[in-house]
PDB file of N, CA and C in Angstrom:
ATOM      1  N   MET A   1       0.863  -1.474  -0.040  1.00  0.00           N
ATOM      2  CA  MET A   1       0.146   0.068  -0.142  1.00  0.00           C
ATOM      3  C   MET A   1       0.871   1.159  -0.018  1.00  0.00           C
ATOM      4  N   ASN A   2       0.651   2.150  -0.585  1.00  0.00           N
ATOM      5  CA  ASN A   2       1.175   3.380  -0.711  1.00  0.00           C
ATOM      6  C   ASN A   2       1.440   4.108   0.515  1.00  0.00           C
ATOM      7  N   ILE A   3       2.492   4.701   0.838  1.00  0.00           N
ATOM      8  CA  ILE A   3       2.953   5.300   2.132  1.00  0.00           C
ATOM      9  C   ILE A   3       1.797   6.532   2.477  1.00  0.00           C
ATOM     10  N   TRP A   4       1.598   7.138   1.433  1.00  0.00           N
ATOM     11  CA  TRP A   4       0.600   8.448   1.499  1.00  0.00           C
ATOM     12  C   TRP A   4      -0.910   8.125   1.862  1.00  0.00           C
ATOM     13  N   ILE A   5      -1.117   7.180   1.487  1.00  0.00           N
ATOM     14  CA  ILE A   5      -2.576   6.499   1.813  1.00  0.00           C
ATOM     15  C   ILE A   5      -2.824   6.185   3.367  1.00  0.00           C
ATOM     16  N   VAL A   6      -1.625   5.666   4.096  1.00  0.00           N
ATOM     17  CA  VAL A   6      -1.533   5.213   5.209  1.00  0.00           C
ATOM     18  C   VAL A   6      -1.391   6.756   5.900  1.00  0.00           C
ATOM     19  N   VAL A   7      -0.391   7.572   5.634  1.00  0.00           N
ATOM     20  CA  VAL A   7      -0.398   8.764   6.079  1.00  0.00           C
ATOM     21  C   VAL A   7      -1.667   9.749   6.229  1.00  0.00           C
ATOM     22  N   ALA A   8      -2.354   9.424   5.117  1.00  0.00           N
ATOM     23  CA  ALA A   8      -3.819  10.259   5.026  1.00  0.00           C
ATOM     24  C   ALA A   8      -4.693   9.561   6.130  1.00  0.00           C
ATOM     25  N   ILE A   9      -4.912   8.439   5.937  1.00  0.00           N
ATOM     26  CA  ILE A   9      -5.818   7.600   7.040  1.00  0.00           C
ATOM     27  C   ILE A   9      -5.516   8.044   8.373  1.00  0.00           C
ATOM     28  N   ILE A  10      -4.201   8.086   8.909  1.00  0.00           N
ATOM     29  CA  ILE A  10      -3.909   8.296  10.206  1.00  0.00           C
ATOM     30  C   ILE A  10      -4.020   9.518  10.667  1.00  0.00           C
ATOM     31  N   VAL A  11      -3.901  10.514   9.602  1.00  0.00           N
ATOM     32  CA  VAL A  11      -4.080  12.137  10.098  1.00  0.00           C
ATOM     33  C   VAL A  11      -5.621  12.157  10.140  1.00  0.00           C
ATOM     34  N   VAL A  12      -6.450  11.610   9.379  1.00  0.00           N
ATOM     35  CA  VAL A  12      -8.035  11.860   9.284  1.00  0.00           C
ATOM     36  C   VAL A  12      -8.706  11.176  10.775  1.00  0.00           C
ATOM     37  N   VAL A  13      -7.984  10.013  11.258  1.00  0.00           N
ATOM     38  CA  VAL A  13      -8.109   9.158  12.274  1.00  0.00           C
ATOM     39  C   VAL A  13      -7.945  10.448  13.425  1.00  0.00           C
ATOM     40  N   LEU A  14      -6.777  10.630  13.573  1.00  0.00           N
ATOM     41  CA  LEU A  14      -6.229  11.367  14.649  1.00  0.00           C
ATOM     42  C   LEU A  14      -7.253  12.848  14.871  1.00  0.00           C
ATOM     43  N   GLY A  15      -7.399  13.543  13.678  1.00  0.00           N
ATOM     44  CA  GLY A  15      -8.485  14.668  13.435  1.00  0.00           C
ATOM     45  C   GLY A  15      -9.742  14.506  13.846  1.00  0.00           C
ATOM     46  N   PHE A  16     -10.319  13.310  13.759  1.00  0.00           N
ATOM     47  CA  PHE A  16     -11.502  12.976  14.151  1.00  0.00           C
ATOM     48  C   PHE A  16     -11.583  12.758  15.830  1.00  0.00           C
ATOM     49  N   ILE A  17     -10.574  12.103  16.371  1.00  0.00           N
ATOM     50  CA  ILE A  17     -10.176  12.178  17.797  1.00  0.00           C
ATOM     51  C   ILE A  17     -10.116  13.174  18.576  1.00  0.00           C
ATOM     52  N   VAL A  18      -9.239  13.844  17.648  1.00  0.00           N
ATOM     53  CA  VAL A  18      -9.077  15.624  18.341  1.00  0.00           C
ATOM     54  C   VAL A  18     -10.300  16.174  18.523  1.00  0.00           C
ATOM     55  N   GLY A  19     -10.702  16.336  17.166  1.00  0.00           N
ATOM     56  CA  GLY A  19     -12.233  16.972  17.248  1.00  0.00           C
ATOM     57  C   GLY A  19     -13.174  16.764  18.105  1.00  0.00           C
ATOM     58  N   ASN A  20     -13.177  15.620  18.323  1.00  0.00           N
ATOM     59  CA  ASN A  20     -14.336  15.182  19.434  1.00  0.00           C
ATOM     60  C   ASN A  20     -14.072  15.207  20.691  1.00  0.00           C
ATOM     61  N   ILE A  21     -12.629  15.153  21.219  1.00  0.00           N
ATOM     62  CA  ILE A  21     -12.116  15.419  22.479  1.00  0.00           C
ATOM     63  C   ILE A  21     -12.263  17.003  22.773  1.00  0.00           C
ATOM     64  N   MET A  22     -12.045  17.949  21.604  1.00  0.00           N
ATOM     65  CA  MET A  22     -12.486  19.447  21.816  1.00  0.00           C
ATOM     66  C   MET A  22     -13.871  19.558  21.707  1.00  0.00           C
ATOM     67  N   LEU A  23     -14.688  18.978  20.877  1.00  0.00           N
ATOM     68  CA  LEU A  23     -16.022  19.039  21.237  1.00  0.00           C
ATOM     69  C   LEU A  23     -16.652  18.747  22.559  1.00  0.00           C
ATOM     70  N   LEU A  24     -16.000  17.730  23.328  1.00  0.00           N
ATOM     71  CA  LEU A  24     -16.572  17.403  24.418  1.00  0.00           C
ATOM     72  C   LEU A  24     -15.993  18.163  25.522  1.00  0.00           C
ATOM     73  N   GLN A  25     -14.859  18.834  25.354  1.00  0.00           N
ATOM     74  CA  GLN A  25     -14.487  19.749  26.404  1.00  0.00           C
ATOM     75  C   GLN A  25     -14.962  21.101  26.374  1.00  0.00           C
ATOM     76  N   GLN A  26     -15.729  21.423  24.986  1.00  0.00           N
ATOM     77  CA  GLN A  26     -16.496  22.757  24.931  1.00  0.00           C
ATOM     78  C   GLN A  26     -18.033  22.486  25.605  1.00  0.00           C
ATOM     79  N   THR A  27     -18.356  21.224  25.442  1.00  0.00           N
ATOM     80  CA  THR A  27     -19.820  21.242  25.969  1.00  0.00           C
ATOM     81  C   THR A  27     -19.628  20.955  27.591  1.00  0.00           C
ATOM     82  N   ALA A  28     -18.688  20.474  27.886  1.00  0.00           N
ATOM     83  CA  ALA A  28     -18.586  20.160  29.283  1.00  0.00           C
ATOM     84  C   ALA A  28     -18.412  21.885  30.331  1.00  0.00           C
ATOM     85  N   LYS A  29     -17.972  22.705  29.469  1.00  0.00           N
ATOM     86  CA  LYS A  29     -17.900  24.067  30.067  1.00  0.00           C
ATOM     87  C   LYS A  29     -19.473  24.859  30.161  1.00  0.00           C
ATOM     88  N   GLU A  30     -20.403  24.504  29.275  1.00  0.00           N
ATOM     89  CA  GLU A  30     -21.443  24.869  29.170  1.00  0.00           C
ATOM     90  C   GLU A  30     -22.544  24.449  30.166  1.00  0.00           C
ATOM     91  N   LYS A  31     -23.406  25.295  30.914  1.00  0.00           N
ATOM     92  CA  LYS A  31     -24.393  24.993  31.910  1.00  0.00           C
ATOM     93  C   LYS A  31     -25.924  24.729  31.198  1.00  0.00           C
ATOM     94  N   LEU A  32     -26.235  23.581  31.837  1.00  0.00           N
ATOM     95  CA  LEU A  32     -27.888  23.299  31.443  1.00  0.00           C
ATOM     96  C   LEU A  32     -28.683  24.257  32.056  1.00  0.00           C
ATOM     97  N   PRO A  33     -29.853  24.832  31.437  1.00  0.00           N
ATOM     98  CA  PRO A  33     -30.883  25.575  31.794  1.00  0.00           C
ATOM     99  C   PRO A  33     -31.609  24.401  33.191  1.00  0.00           C
ATOM    100  N   LYS A  34     -32.014  25.684  34.023  1.00  0.00           N
ATOM    101  CA  LYS A  34     -32.845  24.830  34.980  1.00  0.00           C
ATOM    102  C   LYS A  34     -34.072  24.560  34.727  1.00  0.00           C
ATOM    103  N   PRO A  35     -34.887  23.418  34.754  1.00  0.00           N
ATOM    104  CA  PRO A  35     -36.513  23.516  34.288  1.00  0.00           C
ATOM    105  C   PRO A  35     -37.147  24.000  35.472  1.00  0.00           C
ATOM    106  N   ASP A  36     -38.266  24.592  34.626  1.00  0.00           N
ATOM    107  CA  ASP A  36     -39.463  25.293  35.694  1.00  0.00           C
ATOM    108  C   ASP A  36     -40.083  24.122  36.394  1.00  0.00           C
ATOM    109  N   LYS A  37     -40.840  24.445  37.410  1.00  0.00           N
ATOM    110  CA  LYS A  37     -41.645  23.444  38.035  1.00  0.00           C
ATOM    111  C   LYS A  37     -42.806  22.867  37.474  1.00  0.00           C
ATOM    112  N   ASP A  38     -43.323  23.403  36.191  1.00  0.00           N
ATOM    113  CA  ASP A  38     -44.371  23.147  35.513  1.00  0.00           C
ATOM    114  C   ASP A  38     -43.815  22.904  33.755  1.00  0.00           C
ATOM    115  N   ASN A  39     -42.710  22.432  33.896  1.00  0.00           N
ATOM    116  CA  ASN A  39     -42.186  22.370  32.481  1.00  0.00           C
ATOM    117  C   ASN A  39     -43.011  21.366  31.614  1.00  0.00           C
ATOM    118  N   ASN A  40     -43.152  20.097  32.242  1.00  0.00           N
ATOM    119  CA  ASN A  40     -44.238  19.155  31.775  1.00  0.00           C
ATOM    120  C   ASN A  40     -45.771  19.126  32.135  1.00  0.00           C
ATOM    121  N   ALA A  41     -45.945  20.110  32.548  1.00  0.00           N
ATOM    122  CA  ALA A  41     -47.364  20.174  33.164  1.00  0.00           C
ATOM    123  C   ALA A  41     -48.690  19.762  31.898  1.00  0.00           C
ATOM    124  N   ASN A  42     -48.376  20.327  30.454  1.00  0.00           N
ATOM    125  CA  ASN A  42     -49.124  20.017  29.444  1.00  0.00           C
ATOM    126  C   ASN A  42     -48.828  18.949  28.451  1.00  0.00           C
ATOM    127  N   PHE A  43     -47.902  17.984  29.068  1.00  0.00           N
ATOM    128  CA  PHE A  43     -47.178  17.268  28.074  1.00  0.00           C
ATOM    129  C   PHE A  43     -48.353  16.153  27.466  1.00  0.00           C
ATOM    130  N   ASP A  44     -49.404  15.886  28.337  1.00  0.00           N
ATOM    131  CA  ASP A  44     -50.310  15.052  27.979  1.00  0.00           C
ATOM    132  C   ASP A  44     -51.649  15.428  27.579  1.00  0.00           C
ATOM    133  N   ASP A  45     -51.694  16.728  27.288  1.00  0.00           N
ATOM    134  CA  ASP A  45     -52.871  17.273  26.643  1.00  0.00           C
ATOM    135  C   ASP A  45     -53.180  17.041  25.343  1.00  0.00           C
ATOM    136  N   ASP A  46     -52.404  16.775  24.733  1.00  0.00           N
ATOM    137  CA  ASP A  46     -52.832  16.427  22.847  1.00  0.00           C
ATOM    138  C   ASP A  46     -52.875  15.002  22.684  1.00  0.00           C
ATOM    139  N   ASP A  47     -52.572  14.376  23.791  1.00  0.00           N
ATOM    140  CA  ASP A  47     -52.691  12.719  23.838  1.00  0.00           C
ATOM    141  C   ASP A  47     -53.708  12.287  23.416  1.00  0.00           C
ATOM    142  N   ASP A  48     -54.230  11.808  21.992  1.00  0.00           N
ATOM    143  CA  ASP A  48     -55.483  11.235  21.754  1.00  0.00           C
ATOM    144  C   ASP A  48     -55.481   9.602  21.360  1.00  0.00           C
ATOM    145  N   TRP A  49     -54.462   9.008  22.289  1.00  0.00           N
ATOM    146  CA  TRP A  49     -53.883   7.554  22.156  1.00  0.00           C
ATOM    147  C   TRP A  49     -55.327   6.899  22.783  1.00  0.00           C
ATOM    148  N   GLY A  50     -56.112   6.615  23.700  1.00  0.00           N
ATOM    149  CA  GLY A  50     -57.204   6.090  24.069  1.00  0.00           C
ATOM    150  C   GLY A  50     -58.459   6.622  23.681  1.00  0.00           C
ATOM    151  N   LYS A  51     -58.449   7.702  22.718  1.00  0.00           N
ATOM    152  CA  LYS A  51     -59.912   8.101  22.429  1.00  0.00           C
ATOM    153  C   LYS A  51     -60.338   7.934  21.061  1.00  0.00           C
ATOM    154  N   LYS A  52     -59.275   6.832  20.398  1.00  0.00           N
ATOM    155  CA  LYS A  52     -59.971   6.005  19.211  1.00  0.00           C
ATOM    156  C   LYS A  52     -60.540   5.123  19.192  1.00  0.00           C
TER     157      LYS A  52
END
């Protein structure tokens, strides 16, 4: 196999791994919003599963 193909595959795999690690670090810094008390109060209002 040509050496350049092997080098290209290694670079792509390392780029994928480093990109995913950087994305994990960035998302770990973000804060999740706190849900309200009645966040899911109207969740089942449009449910017509048993009405048919």
